């Protein structure tokens, strides 16, 4: 009987080792690349100018074309520059994960990984030049049921009537299930 139990144990160990951990992610293949984005305010600017940003697609988006996005930019009636996550616009989900912002005092370069929790998803985010955020997208990796992550640093805001723009540095991780926020192919 001991030989049978030992043989079954060896087979189970062998199968487990051969199959590996089913929760492991495939290796990341898309390099993280920094870019600069300028958005125009939702109000008081031509409709043909992008006023929103998609963390998931790493691009500026025109809100009039129905393309998915994670947050929009506006200048409120008091003259404050603000980001508006999807939930603030009434476009978020009622259950699950919404796009959001996590303010940080860390330098842009020292933000190396996105936290899982703590994101502001249902409030207007007032922004100023020099502020930095870790950002989370809506759920886009449907097979894993997870969002994508990025980091931004506000580099310029022009509230003048002829401009009404914001410019920011951004780096997003386009690999589903990864939260690494350093240039090149992420490992975490």
N, C-alpha and C. Protein backbone atom coordinates (compact mmCIF):
# COMPACT_ATOMS: atom_id res chain seq x y z
N UNK A 1 0.81 -1.19 0.00
CA UNK A 1 0.00 0.00 0.00
C UNK A 1 0.86 1.26 0.00
N UNK A 2 1.98 1.21 0.70
CA UNK A 2 2.87 2.37 0.74
C UNK A 2 3.44 2.68 -0.64
N UNK A 3 3.74 1.63 -1.43
CA UNK A 3 4.27 1.85 -2.77
C UNK A 3 3.24 2.55 -3.65
N UNK A 4 1.98 2.15 -3.53
CA UNK A 4 0.92 2.77 -4.33
C UNK A 4 0.78 4.25 -3.97
N UNK A 5 0.75 4.57 -2.67
CA UNK A 5 0.63 5.96 -2.22
C UNK A 5 1.83 6.77 -2.68
N UNK A 6 3.02 6.18 -2.60
CA UNK A 6 4.22 6.89 -3.04
C UNK A 6 4.18 7.14 -4.54
N UNK A 7 3.68 6.18 -5.32
CA UNK A 7 3.60 6.35 -6.77
C UNK A 7 2.59 7.45 -7.13
N UNK A 8 1.44 7.45 -6.45
CA UNK A 8 0.43 8.48 -6.71
C UNK A 8 0.98 9.86 -6.35
N UNK A 9 1.67 9.95 -5.23
CA UNK A 9 2.26 11.23 -4.81
C UNK A 9 3.27 11.71 -5.85
N UNK A 10 4.11 10.82 -6.36
CA UNK A 10 5.10 11.20 -7.38
C UNK A 10 4.42 11.68 -8.65
N UNK A 11 3.34 10.97 -9.06
CA UNK A 11 2.62 11.39 -10.25
C UNK A 11 1.99 12.78 -10.07
N UNK A 12 1.38 13.03 -8.92
CA UNK A 12 0.77 14.33 -8.67
C UNK A 12 1.80 15.44 -8.66
N UNK A 13 2.94 15.20 -8.04
CA UNK A 13 4.01 16.19 -8.03
C UNK A 13 4.51 16.44 -9.45
N UNK A 14 4.65 15.39 -10.23
CA UNK A 14 5.11 15.52 -11.62
C UNK A 14 4.14 16.31 -12.47
N UNK A 15 2.83 16.00 -12.34
CA UNK A 15 1.83 16.75 -13.10
C UNK A 15 1.81 18.22 -12.71
N UNK A 16 1.91 18.49 -11.42
CA UNK A 16 1.89 19.87 -10.94
C UNK A 16 3.10 20.63 -11.50
N UNK A 17 4.25 20.02 -11.48
CA UNK A 17 5.45 20.67 -11.99
C UNK A 17 5.36 20.87 -13.49
N UNK A 18 4.80 19.90 -14.20
CA UNK A 18 4.71 20.00 -15.65
C UNK A 18 3.70 21.05 -16.09
N UNK A 19 2.62 21.18 -15.37
CA UNK A 19 1.58 22.12 -15.76
C UNK A 19 1.89 23.55 -15.32
N UNK A 20 2.68 23.72 -14.29
CA UNK A 20 3.01 25.05 -13.81
C UNK A 20 1.84 25.67 -13.07
N UNK A 21 2.00 26.93 -12.72
CA UNK A 21 0.98 27.65 -11.98
C UNK A 21 0.01 28.28 -12.98
N UNK A 22 -1.28 27.92 -12.93
CA UNK A 22 -2.22 28.48 -13.89
C UNK A 22 -2.48 29.97 -13.69
N UNK A 23 -2.04 30.55 -12.57
CA UNK A 23 -2.23 31.98 -12.32
C UNK A 23 -1.08 32.83 -12.85
N UNK A 24 -0.03 32.22 -13.37
CA UNK A 24 1.08 32.98 -13.93
C UNK A 24 0.62 33.70 -15.20
N UNK A 25 1.07 34.94 -15.37
CA UNK A 25 0.78 35.70 -16.58
C UNK A 25 1.77 35.32 -17.67
N UNK A 26 1.32 35.43 -18.89
CA UNK A 26 2.26 35.28 -20.01
C UNK A 26 3.27 36.41 -19.90
N UNK A 27 4.46 36.20 -20.44
CA UNK A 27 5.47 37.25 -20.40
C UNK A 27 4.95 38.50 -21.09
N UNK A 28 5.25 39.66 -20.51
CA UNK A 28 4.90 40.93 -21.13
C UNK A 28 5.67 41.08 -22.43
N UNK A 29 5.05 41.66 -23.44
CA UNK A 29 5.71 41.82 -24.74
C UNK A 29 5.69 43.24 -25.26
N UNK A 30 4.87 44.10 -24.65
CA UNK A 30 4.73 45.47 -25.14
C UNK A 30 5.54 46.41 -24.24
N UNK A 31 6.52 47.12 -24.81
CA UNK A 31 7.32 48.02 -23.97
C UNK A 31 6.52 49.23 -23.50
N UNK A 32 6.79 49.65 -22.27
CA UNK A 32 6.22 50.90 -21.74
C UNK A 32 7.01 52.05 -22.33
N UNK A 33 6.29 53.03 -22.89
CA UNK A 33 6.93 54.17 -23.54
C UNK A 33 6.29 55.45 -23.02
N UNK A 34 7.11 56.41 -22.68
CA UNK A 34 6.62 57.71 -22.23
C UNK A 34 6.24 58.58 -23.42
N UNK A 35 5.17 59.35 -23.26
CA UNK A 35 4.78 60.30 -24.30
C UNK A 35 4.24 61.56 -23.64
N UNK A 36 3.95 62.55 -24.44
CA UNK A 36 3.36 63.80 -23.97
C UNK A 36 2.03 63.97 -24.67
N UNK A 37 1.00 64.34 -23.90
CA UNK A 37 -0.35 64.46 -24.42
C UNK A 37 -0.89 65.84 -24.07
N UNK A 38 -1.61 66.46 -25.01
CA UNK A 38 -2.32 67.70 -24.74
C UNK A 38 -3.80 67.47 -25.01
N UNK A 39 -4.62 67.86 -24.03
CA UNK A 39 -6.07 67.76 -24.16
C UNK A 39 -6.68 69.15 -24.10
N UNK A 40 -7.78 69.34 -24.80
CA UNK A 40 -8.56 70.58 -24.73
C UNK A 40 -9.72 70.36 -23.78
N UNK A 41 -10.21 71.43 -23.19
CA UNK A 41 -11.33 71.33 -22.25
C UNK A 41 -12.58 70.83 -22.96
N UNK A 42 -13.42 70.14 -22.20
CA UNK A 42 -14.70 69.65 -22.73
C UNK A 42 -15.59 70.79 -23.19
N UNK A 43 -15.51 71.92 -22.50
CA UNK A 43 -16.35 73.07 -22.85
C UNK A 43 -15.48 74.24 -23.30
N UNK A 44 -16.00 75.02 -24.23
CA UNK A 44 -15.30 76.22 -24.67
C UNK A 44 -14.19 75.98 -25.66
N UNK A 45 -14.14 74.79 -26.26
CA UNK A 45 -13.13 74.47 -27.29
C UNK A 45 -13.84 73.77 -28.44
N UNK A 46 -13.21 73.76 -29.62
CA UNK A 46 -13.84 73.06 -30.75
C UNK A 46 -14.07 71.58 -30.45
N UNK A 47 -15.18 71.06 -30.90
CA UNK A 47 -15.54 69.67 -30.63
C UNK A 47 -14.55 68.69 -31.27
N UNK A 48 -13.85 69.12 -32.31
CA UNK A 48 -12.92 68.24 -33.01
C UNK A 48 -11.59 68.06 -32.28
N UNK A 49 -11.42 68.71 -31.13
CA UNK A 49 -10.17 68.55 -30.38
C UNK A 49 -10.37 67.51 -29.29
N UNK A 50 -9.38 66.64 -29.07
CA UNK A 50 -9.52 65.62 -28.02
C UNK A 50 -9.62 66.25 -26.63
N UNK A 51 -10.59 65.78 -25.85
CA UNK A 51 -10.81 66.27 -24.49
C UNK A 51 -10.71 65.16 -23.46
N UNK A 52 -10.42 63.96 -23.91
CA UNK A 52 -10.37 62.81 -23.00
C UNK A 52 -9.13 61.97 -23.29
N UNK A 53 -8.83 61.07 -22.35
CA UNK A 53 -7.67 60.20 -22.49
C UNK A 53 -8.06 58.77 -22.15
N UNK A 54 -7.59 57.85 -22.95
CA UNK A 54 -7.77 56.42 -22.69
C UNK A 54 -6.46 55.84 -22.19
N UNK A 55 -6.44 55.48 -20.91
CA UNK A 55 -5.26 54.81 -20.34
C UNK A 55 -5.07 53.48 -21.06
N UNK A 56 -6.17 52.78 -21.29
CA UNK A 56 -6.12 51.46 -21.90
C UNK A 56 -5.52 51.47 -23.30
N UNK A 57 -5.84 52.50 -24.09
CA UNK A 57 -5.30 52.59 -25.45
C UNK A 57 -4.13 53.55 -25.55
N UNK A 58 -3.77 54.19 -24.45
CA UNK A 58 -2.65 55.14 -24.39
C UNK A 58 -2.77 56.21 -25.47
N UNK A 59 -3.94 56.88 -25.50
CA UNK A 59 -4.13 57.91 -26.52
C UNK A 59 -5.19 58.93 -26.12
N UNK A 60 -5.05 60.14 -26.69
CA UNK A 60 -6.06 61.18 -26.54
C UNK A 60 -7.27 60.78 -27.38
N UNK A 61 -8.46 61.15 -26.88
CA UNK A 61 -9.70 60.70 -27.52
C UNK A 61 -10.66 61.88 -27.68
N UNK A 62 -11.34 61.93 -28.81
CA UNK A 62 -12.43 62.89 -29.01
C UNK A 62 -13.69 62.28 -28.40
N UNK A 63 -14.33 63.00 -27.52
CA UNK A 63 -15.51 62.46 -26.84
C UNK A 63 -16.74 62.40 -27.75
N UNK A 64 -16.74 63.15 -28.84
CA UNK A 64 -17.90 63.15 -29.75
C UNK A 64 -17.94 61.95 -30.67
N UNK A 65 -16.87 61.15 -30.69
CA UNK A 65 -16.82 60.02 -31.61
C UNK A 65 -17.17 58.69 -30.93
N UNK A 66 -17.57 58.74 -29.68
CA UNK A 66 -18.02 57.54 -29.00
C UNK A 66 -16.92 56.57 -28.64
N UNK A 67 -15.67 56.98 -28.80
CA UNK A 67 -14.56 56.09 -28.46
C UNK A 67 -14.46 55.95 -26.94
N UNK A 68 -14.11 54.79 -26.46
CA UNK A 68 -13.97 54.62 -25.00
C UNK A 68 -12.80 55.44 -24.47
N UNK A 69 -12.99 55.95 -23.26
CA UNK A 69 -11.92 56.71 -22.60
C UNK A 69 -12.06 56.50 -21.10
N UNK A 70 -11.06 56.96 -20.35
CA UNK A 70 -11.04 56.76 -18.90
C UNK A 70 -11.25 58.03 -18.10
N UNK A 71 -10.87 59.18 -18.66
CA UNK A 71 -11.14 60.44 -17.99
C UNK A 71 -11.14 61.56 -19.02
N UNK A 72 -11.82 62.64 -18.67
CA UNK A 72 -11.87 63.82 -19.52
C UNK A 72 -11.26 64.99 -18.76
N UNK A 73 -10.93 66.04 -19.50
CA UNK A 73 -10.38 67.27 -18.93
C UNK A 73 -11.38 68.40 -19.14
N UNK A 74 -11.46 69.28 -18.15
CA UNK A 74 -12.28 70.47 -18.31
C UNK A 74 -11.74 71.59 -17.44
N UNK A 75 -12.21 72.78 -17.69
CA UNK A 75 -11.96 73.92 -16.81
C UNK A 75 -13.33 74.31 -16.28
N UNK A 76 -13.49 74.19 -14.96
CA UNK A 76 -14.81 74.40 -14.36
C UNK A 76 -15.18 75.89 -14.33
N UNK A 77 -16.41 76.23 -13.97
CA UNK A 77 -16.84 77.63 -13.96
C UNK A 77 -16.00 78.54 -13.05
N UNK A 78 -15.34 77.96 -12.04
CA UNK A 78 -14.48 78.75 -11.16
C UNK A 78 -13.09 78.94 -11.75
N UNK A 79 -12.83 78.38 -12.94
CA UNK A 79 -11.53 78.53 -13.58
C UNK A 79 -10.52 77.47 -13.19
N UNK A 80 -10.94 76.44 -12.45
CA UNK A 80 -10.03 75.37 -12.05
C UNK A 80 -9.90 74.32 -13.14
N UNK A 81 -8.69 73.86 -13.37
CA UNK A 81 -8.46 72.72 -14.27
C UNK A 81 -8.81 71.45 -13.50
N UNK A 82 -9.59 70.57 -14.14
CA UNK A 82 -10.03 69.35 -13.46
C UNK A 82 -10.01 68.16 -14.40
N UNK A 83 -9.75 66.99 -13.82
CA UNK A 83 -9.96 65.73 -14.52
C UNK A 83 -11.29 65.16 -14.04
N UNK A 84 -12.00 64.53 -14.95
CA UNK A 84 -13.30 63.95 -14.65
C UNK A 84 -13.27 62.46 -14.98
N UNK A 85 -13.11 61.59 -13.96
CA UNK A 85 -13.17 60.15 -14.23
C UNK A 85 -14.54 59.76 -14.78
N UNK A 86 -14.62 58.61 -15.41
CA UNK A 86 -15.86 58.15 -16.02
C UNK A 86 -17.06 58.20 -15.09
N UNK A 87 -16.89 57.78 -13.84
CA UNK A 87 -18.01 57.75 -12.90
C UNK A 87 -18.58 59.14 -12.65
N UNK A 88 -17.72 60.17 -12.66
CA UNK A 88 -18.19 61.54 -12.47
C UNK A 88 -19.06 61.97 -13.65
N UNK A 89 -18.75 61.46 -14.82
CA UNK A 89 -19.52 61.78 -16.02
C UNK A 89 -20.76 60.90 -16.18
N UNK A 90 -20.98 60.01 -15.23
CA UNK A 90 -22.12 59.10 -15.30
C UNK A 90 -21.91 57.95 -16.26
N UNK A 91 -20.64 57.67 -16.61
CA UNK A 91 -20.33 56.61 -17.57
C UNK A 91 -19.63 55.41 -16.94
N UNK A 92 -19.43 55.44 -15.63
CA UNK A 92 -18.75 54.34 -14.95
C UNK A 92 -19.69 53.16 -14.75
N UNK A 93 -19.13 52.10 -14.21
CA UNK A 93 -19.91 50.90 -13.91
C UNK A 93 -20.43 50.98 -12.48
N UNK A 94 -21.57 50.35 -12.22
CA UNK A 94 -22.13 50.37 -10.87
C UNK A 94 -21.51 49.28 -9.99
N UNK A 95 -21.03 48.22 -10.59
CA UNK A 95 -20.31 47.20 -9.84
C UNK A 95 -19.01 46.92 -10.58
N UNK A 96 -17.96 46.70 -9.85
CA UNK A 96 -16.68 46.43 -10.49
C UNK A 96 -15.73 47.60 -10.37
N UNK A 97 -14.77 47.64 -11.26
CA UNK A 97 -13.68 48.60 -11.21
C UNK A 97 -13.91 49.76 -12.17
N UNK A 98 -13.80 50.98 -11.65
CA UNK A 98 -13.88 52.18 -12.47
C UNK A 98 -12.50 52.80 -12.64
N UNK A 99 -12.36 53.59 -13.68
CA UNK A 99 -11.13 54.34 -13.89
C UNK A 99 -10.94 55.31 -12.73
N UNK A 100 -9.68 55.56 -12.36
CA UNK A 100 -9.45 56.45 -11.23
C UNK A 100 -8.04 57.00 -11.16
N UNK A 101 -7.85 57.87 -10.16
CA UNK A 101 -6.60 58.59 -9.93
C UNK A 101 -6.11 58.33 -8.52
N UNK A 102 -4.80 58.22 -8.37
CA UNK A 102 -4.17 58.10 -7.07
C UNK A 102 -3.04 59.13 -7.02
N UNK A 103 -3.23 60.20 -6.24
CA UNK A 103 -2.22 61.26 -6.15
C UNK A 103 -0.98 60.72 -5.45
N UNK A 104 0.18 61.24 -5.85
CA UNK A 104 1.43 60.82 -5.23
C UNK A 104 2.41 62.00 -5.18
N UNK A 105 3.25 61.99 -4.14
CA UNK A 105 4.32 62.99 -4.03
C UNK A 105 5.62 62.48 -4.64
N UNK A 106 5.63 61.22 -5.06
CA UNK A 106 6.83 60.63 -5.66
C UNK A 106 7.13 61.32 -6.99
N UNK A 107 8.40 61.35 -7.37
CA UNK A 107 8.76 61.89 -8.68
C UNK A 107 8.23 60.95 -9.76
N UNK A 108 8.06 61.48 -10.95
CA UNK A 108 7.56 60.67 -12.07
C UNK A 108 8.45 59.44 -12.27
N UNK A 109 9.76 59.64 -12.25
CA UNK A 109 10.69 58.54 -12.49
C UNK A 109 10.65 57.49 -11.38
N UNK A 110 10.36 57.90 -10.15
CA UNK A 110 10.40 56.93 -9.05
C UNK A 110 9.08 56.16 -8.89
N UNK A 111 8.07 56.47 -9.67
CA UNK A 111 6.84 55.67 -9.67
C UNK A 111 7.11 54.45 -10.54
N UNK A 112 7.33 53.32 -9.92
CA UNK A 112 7.74 52.13 -10.67
C UNK A 112 6.67 51.05 -10.76
N UNK A 113 5.63 51.16 -9.93
CA UNK A 113 4.59 50.14 -9.93
C UNK A 113 3.28 50.76 -9.47
N UNK A 114 2.18 50.31 -10.05
CA UNK A 114 0.86 50.83 -9.68
C UNK A 114 0.26 50.02 -8.55
N UNK A 115 -0.23 50.69 -7.50
CA UNK A 115 -0.95 49.97 -6.44
C UNK A 115 -2.27 49.41 -6.99
N UNK A 116 -2.80 48.43 -6.31
CA UNK A 116 -4.07 47.84 -6.72
C UNK A 116 -5.27 48.67 -6.28
N UNK A 117 -5.18 49.33 -5.13
CA UNK A 117 -6.34 50.01 -4.55
C UNK A 117 -6.01 51.45 -4.16
N UNK A 118 -7.05 52.19 -3.76
CA UNK A 118 -6.88 53.54 -3.27
C UNK A 118 -7.18 54.63 -4.29
N UNK A 119 -7.71 54.28 -5.44
CA UNK A 119 -7.95 55.24 -6.52
C UNK A 119 -9.24 56.03 -6.28
N UNK A 120 -9.19 57.32 -6.58
CA UNK A 120 -10.39 58.16 -6.53
C UNK A 120 -11.11 57.96 -7.86
N UNK A 121 -12.35 57.49 -7.79
CA UNK A 121 -13.08 57.15 -9.01
C UNK A 121 -14.35 57.97 -9.22
N UNK A 122 -14.90 58.53 -8.15
CA UNK A 122 -16.22 59.17 -8.24
C UNK A 122 -16.21 60.64 -7.87
N UNK A 123 -15.03 61.27 -7.88
CA UNK A 123 -14.93 62.70 -7.56
C UNK A 123 -14.16 63.42 -8.66
N UNK A 124 -14.45 64.70 -8.82
CA UNK A 124 -13.69 65.57 -9.71
C UNK A 124 -12.29 65.72 -9.12
N UNK A 125 -11.27 65.70 -9.98
CA UNK A 125 -9.87 65.80 -9.54
C UNK A 125 -9.32 67.16 -9.97
N UNK A 126 -9.21 68.14 -9.05
CA UNK A 126 -8.57 69.42 -9.41
C UNK A 126 -7.07 69.17 -9.65
N UNK A 127 -6.52 69.76 -10.70
CA UNK A 127 -5.13 69.51 -11.05
C UNK A 127 -4.36 70.81 -11.20
N UNK A 128 -3.06 70.74 -10.91
CA UNK A 128 -2.14 71.87 -11.06
C UNK A 128 -0.84 71.37 -11.67
N UNK A 129 -0.10 72.27 -12.28
CA UNK A 129 1.20 71.93 -12.86
C UNK A 129 2.09 71.34 -11.77
N UNK A 130 2.77 70.27 -12.12
CA UNK A 130 3.70 69.60 -11.20
C UNK A 130 3.10 68.42 -10.47
N UNK A 131 1.78 68.29 -10.45
CA UNK A 131 1.17 67.16 -9.75
C UNK A 131 1.36 65.88 -10.54
N UNK A 132 1.44 64.78 -9.78
CA UNK A 132 1.63 63.46 -10.37
C UNK A 132 0.56 62.50 -9.84
N UNK A 133 0.15 61.59 -10.72
CA UNK A 133 -0.87 60.60 -10.37
C UNK A 133 -0.53 59.26 -10.97
N UNK A 134 -0.90 58.20 -10.25
CA UNK A 134 -0.98 56.88 -10.85
C UNK A 134 -2.42 56.80 -11.32
N UNK A 135 -2.64 56.30 -12.54
CA UNK A 135 -3.99 56.23 -13.09
C UNK A 135 -4.34 54.78 -13.42
N UNK A 136 -5.63 54.50 -13.29
CA UNK A 136 -6.14 53.15 -13.58
C UNK A 136 -7.24 53.30 -14.62
N UNK A 137 -7.25 52.40 -15.60
CA UNK A 137 -8.29 52.42 -16.64
C UNK A 137 -9.55 51.69 -16.16
N UNK A 138 -10.56 51.76 -16.98
CA UNK A 138 -11.71 50.89 -16.80
C UNK A 138 -11.24 49.45 -17.07
N UNK A 139 -12.03 48.44 -16.76
CA UNK A 139 -11.63 47.06 -17.04
C UNK A 139 -11.63 46.85 -18.55
N UNK A 140 -10.46 46.49 -19.07
CA UNK A 140 -10.32 46.29 -20.51
C UNK A 140 -9.76 44.92 -20.86
N UNK A 141 -9.11 44.31 -19.92
CA UNK A 141 -8.54 42.98 -20.15
C UNK A 141 -9.61 41.96 -19.73
N UNK A 142 -10.59 41.76 -20.61
CA UNK A 142 -11.77 40.99 -20.23
C UNK A 142 -11.44 39.56 -19.84
N UNK A 143 -10.45 38.95 -20.44
CA UNK A 143 -10.08 37.59 -20.08
C UNK A 143 -9.61 37.47 -18.64
N UNK A 144 -8.94 38.52 -18.16
CA UNK A 144 -8.45 38.55 -16.78
C UNK A 144 -9.34 39.37 -15.87
N UNK A 145 -10.21 40.20 -16.45
CA UNK A 145 -11.08 41.07 -15.65
C UNK A 145 -10.33 42.15 -14.90
N UNK A 146 -9.30 42.72 -15.53
CA UNK A 146 -8.47 43.72 -14.87
C UNK A 146 -8.33 44.98 -15.73
N UNK A 147 -7.99 46.11 -15.09
CA UNK A 147 -7.72 47.34 -15.84
C UNK A 147 -6.25 47.39 -16.27
N UNK A 148 -5.89 48.48 -16.92
CA UNK A 148 -4.49 48.78 -17.20
C UNK A 148 -4.11 49.98 -16.34
N UNK A 149 -2.80 50.22 -16.19
CA UNK A 149 -2.31 51.26 -15.29
C UNK A 149 -1.33 52.17 -16.00
N UNK A 150 -1.17 53.37 -15.45
CA UNK A 150 -0.22 54.32 -15.98
C UNK A 150 0.15 55.35 -14.93
N UNK A 151 0.99 56.29 -15.32
CA UNK A 151 1.36 57.42 -14.45
C UNK A 151 1.39 58.67 -15.30
N UNK A 152 0.99 59.79 -14.68
CA UNK A 152 1.00 61.07 -15.40
C UNK A 152 1.59 62.15 -14.51
N UNK A 153 2.16 63.16 -15.16
CA UNK A 153 2.64 64.36 -14.48
C UNK A 153 2.18 65.55 -15.29
N UNK A 154 1.49 66.49 -14.63
CA UNK A 154 0.97 67.68 -15.29
C UNK A 154 2.14 68.62 -15.58
N UNK A 155 2.35 68.97 -16.85
CA UNK A 155 3.48 69.84 -17.22
C UNK A 155 3.04 71.24 -17.63
N UNK A 156 1.79 71.41 -18.06
CA UNK A 156 1.32 72.75 -18.44
C UNK A 156 -0.20 72.80 -18.42
N UNK A 157 -0.72 73.95 -18.02
CA UNK A 157 -2.16 74.23 -18.11
C UNK A 157 -2.29 75.64 -18.66
N UNK A 158 -3.09 75.77 -19.72
CA UNK A 158 -3.35 77.09 -20.30
C UNK A 158 -4.86 77.33 -20.24
N UNK A 159 -5.32 78.09 -19.22
CA UNK A 159 -6.76 78.32 -19.06
C UNK A 159 -7.30 79.47 -19.91
N UNK A 160 -6.44 80.11 -20.70
CA UNK A 160 -6.88 81.27 -21.46
C UNK A 160 -8.00 80.88 -22.43
N UNK A 161 -8.91 81.82 -22.71
CA UNK A 161 -10.06 81.51 -23.57
C UNK A 161 -9.69 80.94 -24.93
N UNK A 162 -8.55 81.32 -25.48
CA UNK A 162 -8.16 80.81 -26.79
C UNK A 162 -7.53 79.43 -26.76
N UNK A 163 -7.19 78.93 -25.58
CA UNK A 163 -6.52 77.64 -25.49
C UNK A 163 -7.33 76.62 -24.69
N UNK A 164 -7.45 76.83 -23.37
CA UNK A 164 -8.15 75.90 -22.47
C UNK A 164 -7.61 74.47 -22.62
N UNK A 165 -6.28 74.33 -22.38
CA UNK A 165 -5.63 73.03 -22.57
C UNK A 165 -4.84 72.60 -21.33
N UNK A 166 -4.55 71.31 -21.30
CA UNK A 166 -3.65 70.72 -20.31
C UNK A 166 -2.68 69.83 -21.06
N UNK A 167 -1.43 69.82 -20.61
CA UNK A 167 -0.42 68.94 -21.18
C UNK A 167 0.18 68.13 -20.05
N UNK A 168 0.39 66.84 -20.31
CA UNK A 168 0.98 65.97 -19.29
C UNK A 168 1.88 64.91 -19.91
N UNK A 169 2.87 64.51 -19.11
CA UNK A 169 3.71 63.35 -19.45
C UNK A 169 2.90 62.13 -19.04
N UNK A 170 3.02 61.07 -19.78
CA UNK A 170 2.30 59.85 -19.43
C UNK A 170 3.10 58.62 -19.85
N UNK A 171 3.02 57.60 -19.03
CA UNK A 171 3.58 56.30 -19.36
C UNK A 171 2.53 55.28 -18.93
N UNK A 172 2.11 54.43 -19.86
CA UNK A 172 1.12 53.41 -19.53
C UNK A 172 1.70 52.02 -19.78
N UNK A 173 1.20 51.07 -19.01
CA UNK A 173 1.58 49.67 -19.18
C UNK A 173 0.46 49.00 -19.98
N UNK A 174 0.74 48.65 -21.22
CA UNK A 174 -0.26 48.07 -22.11
C UNK A 174 -0.35 46.54 -22.03
N UNK A 175 0.32 45.95 -21.07
CA UNK A 175 0.32 44.49 -20.90
C UNK A 175 -0.72 44.11 -19.86
N UNK A 176 -1.72 43.36 -20.26
CA UNK A 176 -2.80 42.96 -19.35
C UNK A 176 -2.25 42.20 -18.14
N UNK A 177 -2.67 42.66 -16.95
CA UNK A 177 -2.26 41.99 -15.72
C UNK A 177 -0.98 42.53 -15.12
N UNK A 178 -0.30 43.43 -15.82
CA UNK A 178 0.96 43.99 -15.33
C UNK A 178 0.73 45.39 -14.77
N UNK A 179 1.53 45.77 -13.79
CA UNK A 179 1.40 47.08 -13.16
C UNK A 179 2.73 47.83 -13.13
N UNK A 180 3.72 47.35 -13.87
CA UNK A 180 5.03 48.00 -13.90
C UNK A 180 4.97 49.32 -14.64
N UNK A 181 5.57 50.37 -14.06
CA UNK A 181 5.50 51.71 -14.66
C UNK A 181 6.88 52.30 -14.92
N UNK A 182 7.77 51.46 -15.39
CA UNK A 182 9.08 51.93 -15.81
C UNK A 182 9.20 51.73 -17.32
N UNK A 183 10.06 52.51 -18.00
CA UNK A 183 10.22 52.31 -19.43
C UNK A 183 10.70 50.89 -19.75
N UNK A 184 10.36 50.43 -20.94
CA UNK A 184 10.73 49.11 -21.47
C UNK A 184 9.69 48.06 -21.10
N UNK A 185 9.99 46.80 -21.27
CA UNK A 185 9.05 45.73 -21.03
C UNK A 185 8.95 45.46 -19.54
N UNK A 186 7.73 45.53 -18.98
CA UNK A 186 7.59 45.36 -17.52
C UNK A 186 7.80 43.92 -17.08
N UNK A 187 8.19 43.77 -15.82
CA UNK A 187 8.37 42.44 -15.24
C UNK A 187 7.40 42.19 -14.11
N UNK A 188 6.67 43.22 -13.69
CA UNK A 188 5.70 43.02 -12.60
C UNK A 188 4.32 43.49 -13.00
